[in-house]
């Protein structure tokens, strides 16, 4: 998982992740913009045994942890999937859903937290 953190001239911070992991960039940028929020999530993830399924709500996002794997999905994605779409319309969800390992997510969160601490 490759990522890049940027800070704009007015102080806004943004996380951009590689293809297939874009949703994690949105999560960091939209919901985890303060170091204390990142710390809370890291503590929660460290307390999980990784075996039982667990869901963690993060504003507009839901993290599902199961067997050491993380699935991140935007809550609006479920609503869109329930609606009937024209067969020729394809739902773009690359920025609304992503998966990674628990260790990878923890490393990403620690890097983001360091970036925010500047």
N, C-alpha and C. Protein backbone atom coordinates (compact mmCIF):
# COMPACT_ATOMS: atom_id res chain seq x y z
N UNK A 1 0.85 -1.16 0.00
CA UNK A 1 0.00 0.00 0.00
C UNK A 1 0.91 1.23 0.00
N UNK A 2 0.82 2.01 -1.05
CA UNK A 2 1.61 3.23 -1.14
C UNK A 2 0.73 4.42 -0.79
N UNK A 3 1.35 5.41 -0.14
CA UNK A 3 0.58 6.59 0.24
C UNK A 3 1.45 7.83 0.24
N UNK A 4 0.75 8.96 0.19
CA UNK A 4 1.40 10.25 0.21
C UNK A 4 0.53 11.20 1.02
N UNK A 5 1.15 11.96 1.90
CA UNK A 5 0.43 12.95 2.69
C UNK A 5 0.84 14.34 2.24
N UNK A 6 -0.16 15.22 2.12
CA UNK A 6 0.11 16.58 1.67
C UNK A 6 -0.54 17.58 2.61
N UNK A 7 0.09 18.74 2.70
CA UNK A 7 -0.49 19.84 3.46
C UNK A 7 -0.57 21.05 2.55
N UNK A 8 -1.78 21.64 2.45
CA UNK A 8 -1.99 22.79 1.61
C UNK A 8 -1.48 24.08 2.25
N UNK A 9 -1.51 25.13 1.49
CA UNK A 9 -1.02 26.43 1.98
C UNK A 9 -1.83 26.95 3.16
N UNK A 10 -3.10 26.58 3.24
CA UNK A 10 -3.94 27.05 4.34
C UNK A 10 -4.00 26.05 5.50
N UNK A 11 -3.18 24.99 5.44
CA UNK A 11 -3.09 24.06 6.55
C UNK A 11 -3.91 22.79 6.42
N UNK A 12 -4.77 22.70 5.39
CA UNK A 12 -5.56 21.49 5.23
C UNK A 12 -4.64 20.33 4.86
N UNK A 13 -4.97 19.16 5.42
CA UNK A 13 -4.13 17.99 5.20
C UNK A 13 -4.91 16.93 4.45
N UNK A 14 -4.20 16.22 3.59
CA UNK A 14 -4.85 15.23 2.74
C UNK A 14 -3.97 13.99 2.62
N UNK A 15 -4.63 12.84 2.63
CA UNK A 15 -3.94 11.56 2.42
C UNK A 15 -4.38 11.01 1.07
N UNK A 16 -3.41 10.59 0.28
CA UNK A 16 -3.70 9.95 -1.00
C UNK A 16 -3.04 8.58 -1.00
N UNK A 17 -3.83 7.58 -1.35
CA UNK A 17 -3.33 6.22 -1.37
C UNK A 17 -3.38 5.63 -2.76
N UNK A 18 -2.62 4.57 -2.95
CA UNK A 18 -2.52 3.91 -4.24
C UNK A 18 -3.85 3.29 -4.67
N UNK A 19 -3.93 2.99 -5.94
CA UNK A 19 -5.13 2.42 -6.52
C UNK A 19 -5.55 1.16 -5.76
N UNK A 20 -6.83 1.10 -5.47
CA UNK A 20 -7.36 -0.01 -4.69
C UNK A 20 -7.46 0.29 -3.21
N UNK A 21 -6.76 1.34 -2.77
CA UNK A 21 -6.78 1.74 -1.36
C UNK A 21 -7.23 3.18 -1.17
N UNK A 22 -7.79 3.78 -2.21
CA UNK A 22 -8.19 5.19 -2.15
C UNK A 22 -9.14 5.48 -1.00
N UNK A 23 -9.98 4.53 -0.66
CA UNK A 23 -10.95 4.75 0.42
C UNK A 23 -10.25 5.05 1.75
N UNK A 24 -9.10 4.44 1.98
CA UNK A 24 -8.37 4.72 3.22
C UNK A 24 -7.88 6.17 3.25
N UNK A 25 -7.52 6.71 2.10
CA UNK A 25 -7.14 8.11 2.02
C UNK A 25 -8.30 9.02 2.37
N UNK A 26 -9.48 8.69 1.87
CA UNK A 26 -10.67 9.48 2.21
C UNK A 26 -10.97 9.39 3.70
N UNK A 27 -10.86 8.19 4.27
CA UNK A 27 -11.12 8.03 5.71
C UNK A 27 -10.18 8.91 6.52
N UNK A 28 -8.89 8.87 6.22
CA UNK A 28 -7.93 9.68 6.97
C UNK A 28 -8.24 11.17 6.83
N UNK A 29 -8.48 11.59 5.61
CA UNK A 29 -8.72 13.00 5.33
C UNK A 29 -10.02 13.49 5.95
N UNK A 30 -11.10 12.70 5.81
CA UNK A 30 -12.43 13.15 6.22
C UNK A 30 -12.74 12.93 7.70
N UNK A 31 -12.26 11.84 8.28
CA UNK A 31 -12.68 11.48 9.64
C UNK A 31 -11.56 11.46 10.67
N UNK A 32 -10.32 11.34 10.24
CA UNK A 32 -9.22 11.18 11.20
C UNK A 32 -8.21 12.31 11.07
N UNK A 33 -8.69 13.52 11.07
CA UNK A 33 -7.83 14.68 10.89
C UNK A 33 -7.17 15.20 12.15
N UNK A 34 -7.47 14.56 13.29
CA UNK A 34 -6.85 14.98 14.56
C UNK A 34 -6.08 13.80 15.14
N UNK A 35 -4.87 14.04 15.66
CA UNK A 35 -4.05 12.95 16.19
C UNK A 35 -4.75 12.12 17.27
N UNK A 36 -5.59 12.76 18.09
CA UNK A 36 -6.27 12.01 19.16
C UNK A 36 -7.28 11.02 18.60
N UNK A 37 -7.91 11.34 17.47
CA UNK A 37 -8.85 10.39 16.82
C UNK A 37 -8.08 9.18 16.30
N UNK A 38 -6.89 9.42 15.77
CA UNK A 38 -6.06 8.33 15.27
C UNK A 38 -5.63 7.45 16.43
N UNK A 39 -5.23 8.08 17.55
CA UNK A 39 -4.83 7.32 18.74
C UNK A 39 -5.96 6.42 19.25
N UNK A 40 -7.16 6.96 19.29
CA UNK A 40 -8.32 6.18 19.74
C UNK A 40 -8.52 4.94 18.86
N UNK A 41 -8.43 5.12 17.55
CA UNK A 41 -8.63 4.01 16.64
C UNK A 41 -7.51 2.98 16.80
N UNK A 42 -6.27 3.45 16.91
CA UNK A 42 -5.15 2.52 17.10
C UNK A 42 -5.32 1.70 18.37
N UNK A 43 -5.72 2.34 19.44
CA UNK A 43 -5.95 1.63 20.70
C UNK A 43 -7.04 0.57 20.54
N UNK A 44 -8.11 0.92 19.86
CA UNK A 44 -9.21 -0.03 19.62
C UNK A 44 -8.72 -1.22 18.80
N UNK A 45 -7.94 -0.95 17.76
CA UNK A 45 -7.44 -2.03 16.91
C UNK A 45 -6.47 -2.93 17.66
N UNK A 46 -5.67 -2.36 18.55
CA UNK A 46 -4.70 -3.14 19.31
C UNK A 46 -5.38 -4.06 20.33
N UNK A 47 -6.57 -3.67 20.78
CA UNK A 47 -7.30 -4.47 21.78
C UNK A 47 -8.07 -5.62 21.16
N UNK A 48 -8.17 -5.65 19.85
CA UNK A 48 -8.93 -6.73 19.22
C UNK A 48 -8.04 -7.95 19.07
N UNK A 49 -8.65 -9.12 19.19
CA UNK A 49 -7.86 -10.35 19.02
C UNK A 49 -7.70 -10.72 17.55
N UNK A 50 -8.43 -10.06 16.67
CA UNK A 50 -8.28 -10.29 15.24
C UNK A 50 -9.04 -11.51 14.73
N UNK A 51 -9.60 -12.30 15.63
CA UNK A 51 -10.30 -13.50 15.21
C UNK A 51 -11.80 -13.29 15.06
N UNK A 52 -12.40 -12.65 16.03
CA UNK A 52 -13.85 -12.41 15.98
C UNK A 52 -14.12 -11.20 15.08
N UNK A 53 -15.25 -11.24 14.39
CA UNK A 53 -15.62 -10.10 13.56
C UNK A 53 -16.00 -8.93 14.45
N UNK A 54 -15.54 -7.77 14.06
CA UNK A 54 -15.84 -6.56 14.82
C UNK A 54 -16.05 -5.42 13.85
N UNK A 55 -17.05 -4.60 14.14
CA UNK A 55 -17.33 -3.41 13.32
C UNK A 55 -17.04 -2.16 14.15
N UNK A 56 -16.39 -1.21 13.49
CA UNK A 56 -16.05 0.05 14.14
C UNK A 56 -16.60 1.17 13.27
N UNK A 57 -17.51 1.96 13.82
CA UNK A 57 -18.07 3.09 13.10
C UNK A 57 -17.17 4.30 13.23
N UNK A 58 -16.90 4.94 12.11
CA UNK A 58 -16.06 6.13 12.07
C UNK A 58 -16.75 7.19 11.23
N UNK A 59 -17.74 7.84 11.81
CA UNK A 59 -18.49 8.85 11.08
C UNK A 59 -19.23 8.21 9.92
N UNK A 60 -18.87 8.58 8.71
CA UNK A 60 -19.54 8.07 7.51
C UNK A 60 -18.96 6.74 7.04
N UNK A 61 -18.02 6.19 7.77
CA UNK A 61 -17.31 4.98 7.37
C UNK A 61 -17.50 3.87 8.39
N UNK A 62 -17.35 2.62 7.94
CA UNK A 62 -17.36 1.47 8.83
C UNK A 62 -16.16 0.59 8.52
N UNK A 63 -15.39 0.28 9.57
CA UNK A 63 -14.29 -0.67 9.47
C UNK A 63 -14.80 -2.01 9.97
N UNK A 64 -14.61 -3.04 9.20
CA UNK A 64 -14.97 -4.39 9.64
C UNK A 64 -13.68 -5.19 9.74
N UNK A 65 -13.42 -5.71 10.92
CA UNK A 65 -12.22 -6.49 11.18
C UNK A 65 -12.62 -7.95 11.32
N UNK A 66 -11.97 -8.81 10.55
CA UNK A 66 -12.24 -10.24 10.65
C UNK A 66 -10.99 -11.01 10.22
N UNK A 67 -10.54 -11.89 11.09
CA UNK A 67 -9.38 -12.74 10.82
C UNK A 67 -8.16 -11.95 10.37
N UNK A 68 -7.91 -10.82 11.02
CA UNK A 68 -6.73 -10.01 10.73
C UNK A 68 -6.82 -9.18 9.47
N UNK A 69 -7.97 -9.19 8.82
CA UNK A 69 -8.18 -8.40 7.61
C UNK A 69 -9.16 -7.28 7.91
N UNK A 70 -8.97 -6.16 7.24
CA UNK A 70 -9.82 -4.97 7.41
C UNK A 70 -10.57 -4.71 6.12
N UNK A 71 -11.87 -4.51 6.23
CA UNK A 71 -12.68 -4.03 5.12
C UNK A 71 -13.20 -2.67 5.52
N UNK A 72 -12.92 -1.66 4.72
CA UNK A 72 -13.41 -0.32 4.95
C UNK A 72 -14.48 -0.03 3.92
N UNK A 73 -15.64 0.44 4.37
CA UNK A 73 -16.69 0.79 3.42
C UNK A 73 -17.40 2.06 3.87
N UNK A 74 -17.75 2.86 2.89
CA UNK A 74 -18.50 4.08 3.15
C UNK A 74 -19.95 3.68 3.38
N UNK A 75 -20.59 4.26 4.37
CA UNK A 75 -21.95 3.88 4.72
C UNK A 75 -22.94 4.13 3.59
N UNK A 76 -22.70 5.10 2.73
CA UNK A 76 -23.60 5.38 1.61
C UNK A 76 -23.54 4.29 0.56
N UNK A 77 -22.48 3.49 0.55
CA UNK A 77 -22.35 2.43 -0.43
C UNK A 77 -23.45 1.40 -0.28
N UNK A 78 -23.80 1.03 0.94
CA UNK A 78 -24.87 0.08 1.19
C UNK A 78 -26.21 0.57 0.70
N UNK A 79 -26.45 1.86 0.86
CA UNK A 79 -27.72 2.45 0.40
C UNK A 79 -27.78 2.40 -1.12
N UNK A 80 -26.68 2.73 -1.77
CA UNK A 80 -26.65 2.74 -3.24
C UNK A 80 -26.84 1.33 -3.80
N UNK A 81 -26.30 0.31 -3.12
CA UNK A 81 -26.42 -1.06 -3.60
C UNK A 81 -27.84 -1.57 -3.48
N UNK A 82 -28.61 -1.04 -2.52
CA UNK A 82 -29.99 -1.46 -2.34
C UNK A 82 -30.91 -0.91 -3.42
N UNK A 83 -30.54 0.20 -4.01
CA UNK A 83 -31.37 0.81 -5.03
C UNK A 83 -31.17 0.08 -6.36
N UNK A 84 -32.26 -0.06 -7.10
CA UNK A 84 -32.14 -0.68 -8.42
C UNK A 84 -31.56 0.32 -9.40
N UNK A 85 -30.51 -0.10 -10.06
CA UNK A 85 -29.87 0.74 -11.06
C UNK A 85 -30.16 0.19 -12.44
N UNK A 86 -30.13 1.06 -13.40
CA UNK A 86 -30.24 0.65 -14.78
C UNK A 86 -29.12 -0.35 -15.06
N UNK A 87 -29.38 -1.45 -15.77
CA UNK A 87 -28.35 -2.46 -16.02
C UNK A 87 -27.11 -1.91 -16.71
N UNK A 88 -27.24 -0.80 -17.41
CA UNK A 88 -26.09 -0.22 -18.10
C UNK A 88 -25.30 0.73 -17.21
N UNK A 89 -25.78 0.98 -16.01
CA UNK A 89 -25.09 1.88 -15.08
C UNK A 89 -24.24 1.03 -14.15
N UNK A 90 -22.99 1.38 -14.05
CA UNK A 90 -22.07 0.66 -13.18
C UNK A 90 -21.72 1.57 -12.01
N UNK A 91 -21.76 1.03 -10.82
CA UNK A 91 -21.47 1.81 -9.62
C UNK A 91 -19.96 1.91 -9.41
N UNK A 92 -19.44 3.13 -9.37
CA UNK A 92 -18.02 3.35 -9.10
C UNK A 92 -17.83 3.38 -7.60
N UNK A 93 -17.11 2.41 -7.07
CA UNK A 93 -16.94 2.34 -5.63
C UNK A 93 -15.49 2.27 -5.19
N UNK A 94 -14.56 2.56 -6.09
CA UNK A 94 -13.14 2.46 -5.75
C UNK A 94 -12.74 3.38 -4.60
N UNK A 95 -13.41 4.50 -4.46
CA UNK A 95 -13.08 5.43 -3.38
C UNK A 95 -14.00 5.22 -2.18
N UNK A 96 -14.83 4.19 -2.22
CA UNK A 96 -15.80 3.96 -1.15
C UNK A 96 -15.62 2.62 -0.44
N UNK A 97 -14.69 1.80 -0.93
CA UNK A 97 -14.49 0.49 -0.32
C UNK A 97 -13.06 0.03 -0.58
N UNK A 98 -12.43 -0.56 0.43
CA UNK A 98 -11.06 -1.06 0.28
C UNK A 98 -10.77 -2.09 1.37
N UNK A 99 -9.75 -2.91 1.12
CA UNK A 99 -9.34 -3.94 2.07
C UNK A 99 -7.83 -3.85 2.29
N UNK A 100 -7.40 -4.28 3.47
CA UNK A 100 -5.98 -4.41 3.75
C UNK A 100 -5.82 -5.26 5.01
N UNK A 101 -4.59 -5.59 5.33
CA UNK A 101 -4.30 -6.33 6.55
C UNK A 101 -4.28 -5.40 7.75
N UNK A 102 -4.49 -5.97 8.92
CA UNK A 102 -4.51 -5.19 10.16
C UNK A 102 -3.17 -4.48 10.39
N UNK A 103 -2.07 -5.18 10.16
CA UNK A 103 -0.74 -4.57 10.36
C UNK A 103 -0.53 -3.40 9.42
N UNK A 104 -0.94 -3.55 8.17
CA UNK A 104 -0.80 -2.47 7.18
C UNK A 104 -1.58 -1.24 7.62
N UNK A 105 -2.80 -1.45 8.11
CA UNK A 105 -3.62 -0.33 8.55
C UNK A 105 -2.97 0.36 9.75
N UNK A 106 -2.46 -0.40 10.69
CA UNK A 106 -1.82 0.19 11.87
C UNK A 106 -0.60 1.02 11.47
N UNK A 107 0.19 0.51 10.53
CA UNK A 107 1.35 1.27 10.05
C UNK A 107 0.91 2.57 9.36
N UNK A 108 -0.14 2.49 8.56
CA UNK A 108 -0.68 3.68 7.89
C UNK A 108 -1.14 4.70 8.92
N UNK A 109 -1.88 4.25 9.92
CA UNK A 109 -2.39 5.15 10.96
C UNK A 109 -1.25 5.80 11.75
N UNK A 110 -0.22 5.04 12.06
CA UNK A 110 0.93 5.61 12.78
C UNK A 110 1.63 6.66 11.95
N UNK A 111 1.80 6.42 10.64
CA UNK A 111 2.41 7.41 9.76
C UNK A 111 1.56 8.67 9.66
N UNK A 112 0.26 8.50 9.53
CA UNK A 112 -0.67 9.63 9.45
C UNK A 112 -0.62 10.44 10.75
N UNK A 113 -0.58 9.74 11.88
CA UNK A 113 -0.52 10.41 13.16
C UNK A 113 0.76 11.25 13.29
N UNK A 114 1.88 10.72 12.84
CA UNK A 114 3.13 11.49 12.86
C UNK A 114 3.01 12.71 11.96
N UNK A 115 2.43 12.55 10.78
CA UNK A 115 2.24 13.66 9.86
C UNK A 115 1.37 14.75 10.50
N UNK A 116 0.32 14.35 11.17
CA UNK A 116 -0.57 15.33 11.81
C UNK A 116 0.10 16.06 12.97
N UNK A 117 1.06 15.39 13.59
CA UNK A 117 1.74 15.98 14.75
C UNK A 117 2.68 17.11 14.41
N UNK A 118 2.93 17.32 13.12
CA UNK A 118 3.84 18.40 12.70
C UNK A 118 3.29 19.75 13.03
